[in-house]
Amino acid sequence: MIDQLMILAESGTLASEGVPPAAVGIGVLVILMALLGVTWLTGGAHHRSLDKKSGHTSDSDH
């Protein structure tokens, strides 16, 4: 009985390959880069770099 269960488990793992690890890694990388981009856009560093290029500072706006 146990040997038949082992054979069934082995054939089941071969039949259902699942998602390849490379696809999971690339997907995680894309998600993390998207989160980094959102963080960069909503953070103050992006706006400070734009202020330096245009010559405006937060003190001169007042």
PDB file of N, CA and C in Angstrom:
ATOM      1  N   MET A   1       0.822  -1.202   0.000  1.00  0.00           N
ATOM      2  CA  MET A   1       0.000   0.000   0.000  1.00  0.00           C
ATOM      3  C   MET A   1       0.859   1.256   0.000  1.00  0.00           C
ATOM      4  N   ILE A   2       1.875   1.290   0.842  1.00  0.00           N
ATOM      5  CA  ILE A   2       2.755   2.461   0.917  1.00  0.00           C
ATOM      6  C   ILE A   2       3.538   2.620  -0.381  1.00  0.00           C
ATOM      7  N   ASP A   3       3.987   1.535  -0.975  1.00  0.00           N
ATOM      8  CA  ASP A   3       4.748   1.645  -2.217  1.00  0.00           C
ATOM      9  C   ASP A   3       3.881   2.177  -3.354  1.00  0.00           C
ATOM     10  N   GLN A   4       2.597   1.815  -3.377  1.00  0.00           N
ATOM     11  CA  GLN A   4       1.695   2.357  -4.388  1.00  0.00           C
ATOM     12  C   GLN A   4       1.461   3.854  -4.173  1.00  0.00           C
ATOM     13  N   LEU A   5       1.410   4.259  -2.909  1.00  0.00           N
ATOM     14  CA  LEU A   5       1.242   5.672  -2.594  1.00  0.00           C
ATOM     15  C   LEU A   5       2.461   6.470  -3.050  1.00  0.00           C
ATOM     16  N   MET A   6       3.649   5.912  -2.862  1.00  0.00           N
ATOM     17  CA  MET A   6       4.870   6.584  -3.300  1.00  0.00           C
ATOM     18  C   MET A   6       4.922   6.702  -4.821  1.00  0.00           C
ATOM     19  N   ILE A   7       4.509   5.667  -5.517  1.00  0.00           N
ATOM     20  CA  ILE A   7       4.486   5.709  -6.983  1.00  0.00           C
ATOM     21  C   ILE A   7       3.484   6.758  -7.459  1.00  0.00           C
ATOM     22  N   LEU A   8       2.324   6.819  -6.794  1.00  0.00           N
ATOM     23  CA  LEU A   8       1.312   7.811  -7.156  1.00  0.00           C
ATOM     24  C   LEU A   8       1.819   9.227  -6.896  1.00  0.00           C
ATOM     25  N   ALA A   9       2.521   9.432  -5.790  1.00  0.00           N
ATOM     26  CA  ALA A   9       3.048  10.753  -5.472  1.00  0.00           C
ATOM     27  C   ALA A   9       4.116  11.175  -6.479  1.00  0.00           C
ATOM     28  N   GLU A  10       4.978  10.257  -6.874  1.00  0.00           N
ATOM     29  CA  GLU A  10       6.019  10.573  -7.852  1.00  0.00           C
ATOM     30  C   GLU A  10       5.420  10.903  -9.214  1.00  0.00           C
ATOM     31  N   SER A  11       4.423  10.158  -9.631  1.00  0.00           N
ATOM     32  CA  SER A  11       3.809  10.438 -10.933  1.00  0.00           C
ATOM     33  C   SER A  11       3.030  11.746 -10.887  1.00  0.00           C
ATOM     34  N   GLY A  12       2.492  12.086  -9.725  1.00  0.00           N
ATOM     35  CA  GLY A  12       1.779  13.354  -9.591  1.00  0.00           C
ATOM     36  C   GLY A  12       2.703  14.552  -9.677  1.00  0.00           C
ATOM     37  N   THR A  13       3.884  14.434  -9.084  1.00  0.00           N
ATOM     38  CA  THR A  13       4.824  15.556  -9.150  1.00  0.00           C
ATOM     39  C   THR A  13       5.379  15.727 -10.557  1.00  0.00           C
ATOM     40  N   LEU A  14       5.515  14.664 -11.292  1.00  0.00           N
ATOM     41  CA  LEU A  14       5.998  14.780 -12.672  1.00  0.00           C
ATOM     42  C   LEU A  14       4.926  15.358 -13.584  1.00  0.00           C
ATOM     43  N   ALA A  15       3.668  15.051 -13.314  1.00  0.00           N
ATOM     44  CA  ALA A  15       2.584  15.525 -14.173  1.00  0.00           C
ATOM     45  C   ALA A  15       2.309  17.012 -13.966  1.00  0.00           C
ATOM     46  N   SER A  16       2.393  17.454 -12.725  1.00  0.00           N
ATOM     47  CA  SER A  16       2.120  18.872 -12.455  1.00  0.00           C
ATOM     48  C   SER A  16       3.432  19.589 -12.217  1.00  0.00           C
ATOM     49  N   GLU A  17       3.945  20.206 -13.258  1.00  0.00           N
ATOM     50  CA  GLU A  17       5.251  20.849 -13.160  1.00  0.00           C
ATOM     51  C   GLU A  17       5.195  22.121 -12.338  1.00  0.00           C
ATOM     52  N   GLY A  18       4.130  22.856 -12.410  1.00  0.00           N
ATOM     53  CA  GLY A  18       4.021  24.097 -11.672  1.00  0.00           C
ATOM     54  C   GLY A  18       4.762  25.230 -12.371  1.00  0.00           C
ATOM     55  N   VAL A  19       4.975  26.297 -11.628  1.00  0.00           N
ATOM     56  CA  VAL A  19       5.633  27.482 -12.167  1.00  0.00           C
ATOM     57  C   VAL A  19       7.142  27.300 -12.035  1.00  0.00           C
ATOM     58  N   PRO A  20       7.895  27.541 -13.094  1.00  0.00           N
ATOM     59  CA  PRO A  20       9.348  27.405 -12.996  1.00  0.00           C
ATOM     60  C   PRO A  20       9.954  28.453 -12.067  1.00  0.00           C
ATOM     61  N   PRO A  21      11.002  28.094 -11.346  1.00  0.00           N
ATOM     62  CA  PRO A  21      11.610  29.043 -10.407  1.00  0.00           C
ATOM     63  C   PRO A  21      12.111  30.323 -11.065  1.00  0.00           C
ATOM     64  N   ALA A  22      12.551  30.251 -12.304  1.00  0.00           N
ATOM     65  CA  ALA A  22      13.032  31.448 -12.997  1.00  0.00           C
ATOM     66  C   ALA A  22      11.894  32.452 -13.190  1.00  0.00           C
ATOM     67  N   ALA A  23      10.702  31.969 -13.496  1.00  0.00           N
ATOM     68  CA  ALA A  23       9.560  32.868 -13.674  1.00  0.00           C
ATOM     69  C   ALA A  23       9.175  33.534 -12.361  1.00  0.00           C
ATOM     70  N   VAL A  24       9.273  32.779 -11.268  1.00  0.00           N
ATOM     71  CA  VAL A  24       8.968  33.355  -9.958  1.00  0.00           C
ATOM     72  C   VAL A  24       9.992  34.435  -9.617  1.00  0.00           C
ATOM     73  N   GLY A  25      11.269  34.169  -9.879  1.00  0.00           N
ATOM     74  CA  GLY A  25      12.319  35.142  -9.600  1.00  0.00           C
ATOM     75  C   GLY A  25      12.159  36.413 -10.411  1.00  0.00           C
ATOM     76  N   ILE A  26      11.848  36.271 -11.679  1.00  0.00           N
ATOM     77  CA  ILE A  26      11.651  37.447 -12.539  1.00  0.00           C
ATOM     78  C   ILE A  26      10.417  38.223 -12.097  1.00  0.00           C
ATOM     79  N   GLY A  27       9.368  37.517 -11.727  1.00  0.00           N
ATOM     80  CA  GLY A  27       8.157  38.178 -11.250  1.00  0.00           C
ATOM     81  C   GLY A  27       8.400  38.966  -9.973  1.00  0.00           C
ATOM     82  N   VAL A  28       9.150  38.377  -9.048  1.00  0.00           N
ATOM     83  CA  VAL A  28       9.467  39.076  -7.799  1.00  0.00           C
ATOM     84  C   VAL A  28      10.328  40.298  -8.089  1.00  0.00           C
ATOM     85  N   LEU A  29      11.282  40.176  -9.007  1.00  0.00           N
ATOM     86  CA  LEU A  29      12.136  41.306  -9.365  1.00  0.00           C
ATOM     87  C   LEU A  29      11.308  42.452  -9.960  1.00  0.00           C
ATOM     88  N   VAL A  30      10.373  42.129 -10.831  1.00  0.00           N
ATOM     89  CA  VAL A  30       9.533  43.149 -11.448  1.00  0.00           C
ATOM     90  C   VAL A  30       8.667  43.844 -10.390  1.00  0.00           C
ATOM     91  N   ILE A  31       8.113  43.068  -9.474  1.00  0.00           N
ATOM     92  CA  ILE A  31       7.275  43.662  -8.420  1.00  0.00           C
ATOM     93  C   ILE A  31       8.103  44.571  -7.528  1.00  0.00           C
ATOM     94  N   LEU A  32       9.297  44.131  -7.144  1.00  0.00           N
ATOM     95  CA  LEU A  32      10.142  44.963  -6.286  1.00  0.00           C
ATOM     96  C   LEU A  32      10.606  46.230  -7.000  1.00  0.00           C
ATOM     97  N   MET A  33      10.908  46.134  -8.285  1.00  0.00           N
ATOM     98  CA  MET A  33      11.305  47.330  -9.025  1.00  0.00           C
ATOM     99  C   MET A  33      10.136  48.308  -9.163  1.00  0.00           C
ATOM    100  N   ALA A  34       8.927  47.789  -9.327  1.00  0.00           N
ATOM    101  CA  ALA A  34       7.753  48.656  -9.389  1.00  0.00           C
ATOM    102  C   ALA A  34       7.534  49.360  -8.053  1.00  0.00           C
ATOM    103  N   LEU A  35       7.700  48.633  -6.959  1.00  0.00           N
ATOM    104  CA  LEU A  35       7.569  49.257  -5.641  1.00  0.00           C
ATOM    105  C   LEU A  35       8.652  50.301  -5.418  1.00  0.00           C
ATOM    106  N   LEU A  36       9.854  50.026  -5.879  1.00  0.00           N
ATOM    107  CA  LEU A  36      10.932  51.007  -5.763  1.00  0.00           C
ATOM    108  C   LEU A  36      10.614  52.257  -6.570  1.00  0.00           C
ATOM    109  N   GLY A  37      10.062  52.090  -7.760  1.00  0.00           N
ATOM    110  CA  GLY A  37       9.689  53.236  -8.583  1.00  0.00           C
ATOM    111  C   GLY A  37       8.599  54.073  -7.948  1.00  0.00           C
ATOM    112  N   VAL A  38       7.601  53.426  -7.369  1.00  0.00           N
ATOM    113  CA  VAL A  38       6.525  54.167  -6.699  1.00  0.00           C
ATOM    114  C   VAL A  38       7.084  54.909  -5.490  1.00  0.00           C
ATOM    115  N   THR A  39       7.965  54.258  -4.747  1.00  0.00           N
ATOM    116  CA  THR A  39       8.572  54.903  -3.582  1.00  0.00           C
ATOM    117  C   THR A  39       9.408  56.101  -4.003  1.00  0.00           C
ATOM    118  N   TRP A  40      10.145  55.966  -5.087  1.00  0.00           N
ATOM    119  CA  TRP A  40      10.988  57.065  -5.561  1.00  0.00           C
ATOM    120  C   TRP A  40      10.129  58.243  -6.025  1.00  0.00           C
ATOM    121  N   LEU A  41       9.024  57.937  -6.728  1.00  0.00           N
ATOM    122  CA  LEU A  41       8.171  59.011  -7.231  1.00  0.00           C
ATOM    123  C   LEU A  41       7.424  59.737  -6.114  1.00  0.00           C
ATOM    124  N   THR A  42       7.029  59.020  -5.082  1.00  0.00           N
ATOM    125  CA  THR A  42       6.278  59.650  -4.003  1.00  0.00           C
ATOM    126  C   THR A  42       7.178  60.212  -2.921  1.00  0.00           C
ATOM    127  N   GLY A  43       8.463  59.890  -2.948  1.00  0.00           N
ATOM    128  CA  GLY A  43       9.385  60.409  -1.949  1.00  0.00           C
ATOM    129  C   GLY A  43       9.828  61.818  -2.294  1.00  0.00           C
ATOM    130  N   GLY A  44      10.496  62.466  -1.359  1.00  0.00           N
ATOM    131  CA  GLY A  44      10.901  63.848  -1.567  1.00  0.00           C
ATOM    132  C   GLY A  44      12.138  64.006  -2.428  1.00  0.00           C
ATOM    133  N   ALA A  45      12.942  62.956  -2.594  1.00  0.00           N
ATOM    134  CA  ALA A  45      14.190  63.084  -3.340  1.00  0.00           C
ATOM    135  C   ALA A  45      13.928  63.442  -4.805  1.00  0.00           C
ATOM    136  N   HIS A  46      12.883  62.887  -5.383  1.00  0.00           N
ATOM    137  CA  HIS A  46      12.558  63.177  -6.782  1.00  0.00           C
ATOM    138  C   HIS A  46      12.191  64.647  -6.933  1.00  0.00           C
ATOM    139  N   HIS A  47      11.423  65.183  -6.024  1.00  0.00           N
ATOM    140  CA  HIS A  47      11.006  66.576  -6.113  1.00  0.00           C
ATOM    141  C   HIS A  47      12.157  67.527  -5.821  1.00  0.00           C
ATOM    142  N   ARG A  48      13.042  67.143  -4.930  1.00  0.00           N
ATOM    143  CA  ARG A  48      14.202  67.997  -4.652  1.00  0.00           C
ATOM    144  C   ARG A  48      15.125  68.072  -5.860  1.00  0.00           C
ATOM    145  N   SER A  49      15.276  66.957  -6.583  1.00  0.00           N
ATOM    146  CA  SER A  49      16.134  66.997  -7.767  1.00  0.00           C
ATOM    147  C   SER A  49      15.509  67.860  -8.859  1.00  0.00           C
ATOM    148  N   LEU A  50      14.191  67.877  -8.950  1.00  0.00           N
ATOM    149  CA  LEU A  50      13.533  68.750  -9.932  1.00  0.00           C
ATOM    150  C   LEU A  50      13.673  70.205  -9.530  1.00  0.00           C
ATOM    151  N   ASP A  51      13.632  70.500  -8.223  1.00  0.00           N
ATOM    152  CA  ASP A  51      13.801  71.875  -7.754  1.00  0.00           C
ATOM    153  C   ASP A  51      15.205  72.388  -8.064  1.00  0.00           C
ATOM    154  N   LYS A  52      16.209  71.541  -7.940  1.00  0.00           N
ATOM    155  CA  LYS A  52      17.585  71.966  -8.217  1.00  0.00           C
ATOM    156  C   LYS A  52      17.756  72.305  -9.701  1.00  0.00           C
ATOM    157  N   LYS A  53      17.106  71.529 -10.561  1.00  0.00           N
ATOM    158  CA  LYS A  53      17.239  71.773 -11.995  1.00  0.00           C
ATOM    159  C   LYS A  53      16.545  73.066 -12.413  1.00  0.00           C
ATOM    160  N   SER A  54      15.416  73.376 -11.789  1.00  0.00           N
ATOM    161  CA  SER A  54      14.666  74.561 -12.198  1.00  0.00           C
ATOM    162  C   SER A  54      15.098  75.816 -11.451  1.00  0.00           C
ATOM    163  N   GLY A  55      15.932  75.664 -10.430  1.00  0.00           N
ATOM    164  CA  GLY A  55      16.420  76.817  -9.706  1.00  0.00           C
ATOM    165  C   GLY A  55      15.526  77.278  -8.584  1.00  0.00           C
ATOM    166  N   HIS A  56      14.436  76.575  -8.331  1.00  0.00           N
ATOM    167  CA  HIS A  56      13.534  76.925  -7.234  1.00  0.00           C
ATOM    168  C   HIS A  56      13.915  76.143  -5.990  1.00  0.00           C
ATOM    169  N   THR A  57      13.793  76.787  -4.863  1.00  0.00           N
ATOM    170  CA  THR A  57      13.966  76.090  -3.588  1.00  0.00           C
ATOM    171  C   THR A  57      12.700  76.255  -2.779  1.00  0.00           C
ATOM    172  N   SER A  58      12.581  75.500  -1.726  1.00  0.00           N
ATOM    173  CA  SER A  58      11.384  75.608  -0.909  1.00  0.00           C
ATOM    174  C   SER A  58      11.335  76.938  -0.179  1.00  0.00           C
ATOM    175  N   ASP A  59      12.513  77.590   0.088  1.00  0.00           N
ATOM    176  CA  ASP A  59      12.534  78.888   0.763  1.00  0.00           C
ATOM    177  C   ASP A  59      12.101  80.024  -0.146  1.00  0.00           C
ATOM    178  N   SER A  60      12.392  79.925  -1.445  1.00  0.00           N
ATOM    179  CA  SER A  60      12.059  81.019  -2.358  1.00  0.00           C
ATOM    180  C   SER A  60      10.576  81.033  -2.724  1.00  0.00           C
ATOM    181  N   ASP A  61       9.859  79.965  -2.441  1.00  0.00           N
ATOM    182  CA  ASP A  61       8.431  79.925  -2.774  1.00  0.00           C
ATOM    183  C   ASP A  61       7.618  80.754  -1.799  1.00  0.00           C
ATOM    184  N   HIS A  62       8.121  81.057  -0.628  1.00  0.00           N
ATOM    185  CA  HIS A  62       7.358  81.798   0.388  1.00  0.00           C
ATOM    186  C   HIS A  62       7.373  83.274   0.157  1.00  0.00           C
TER     187      HIS A  62
END
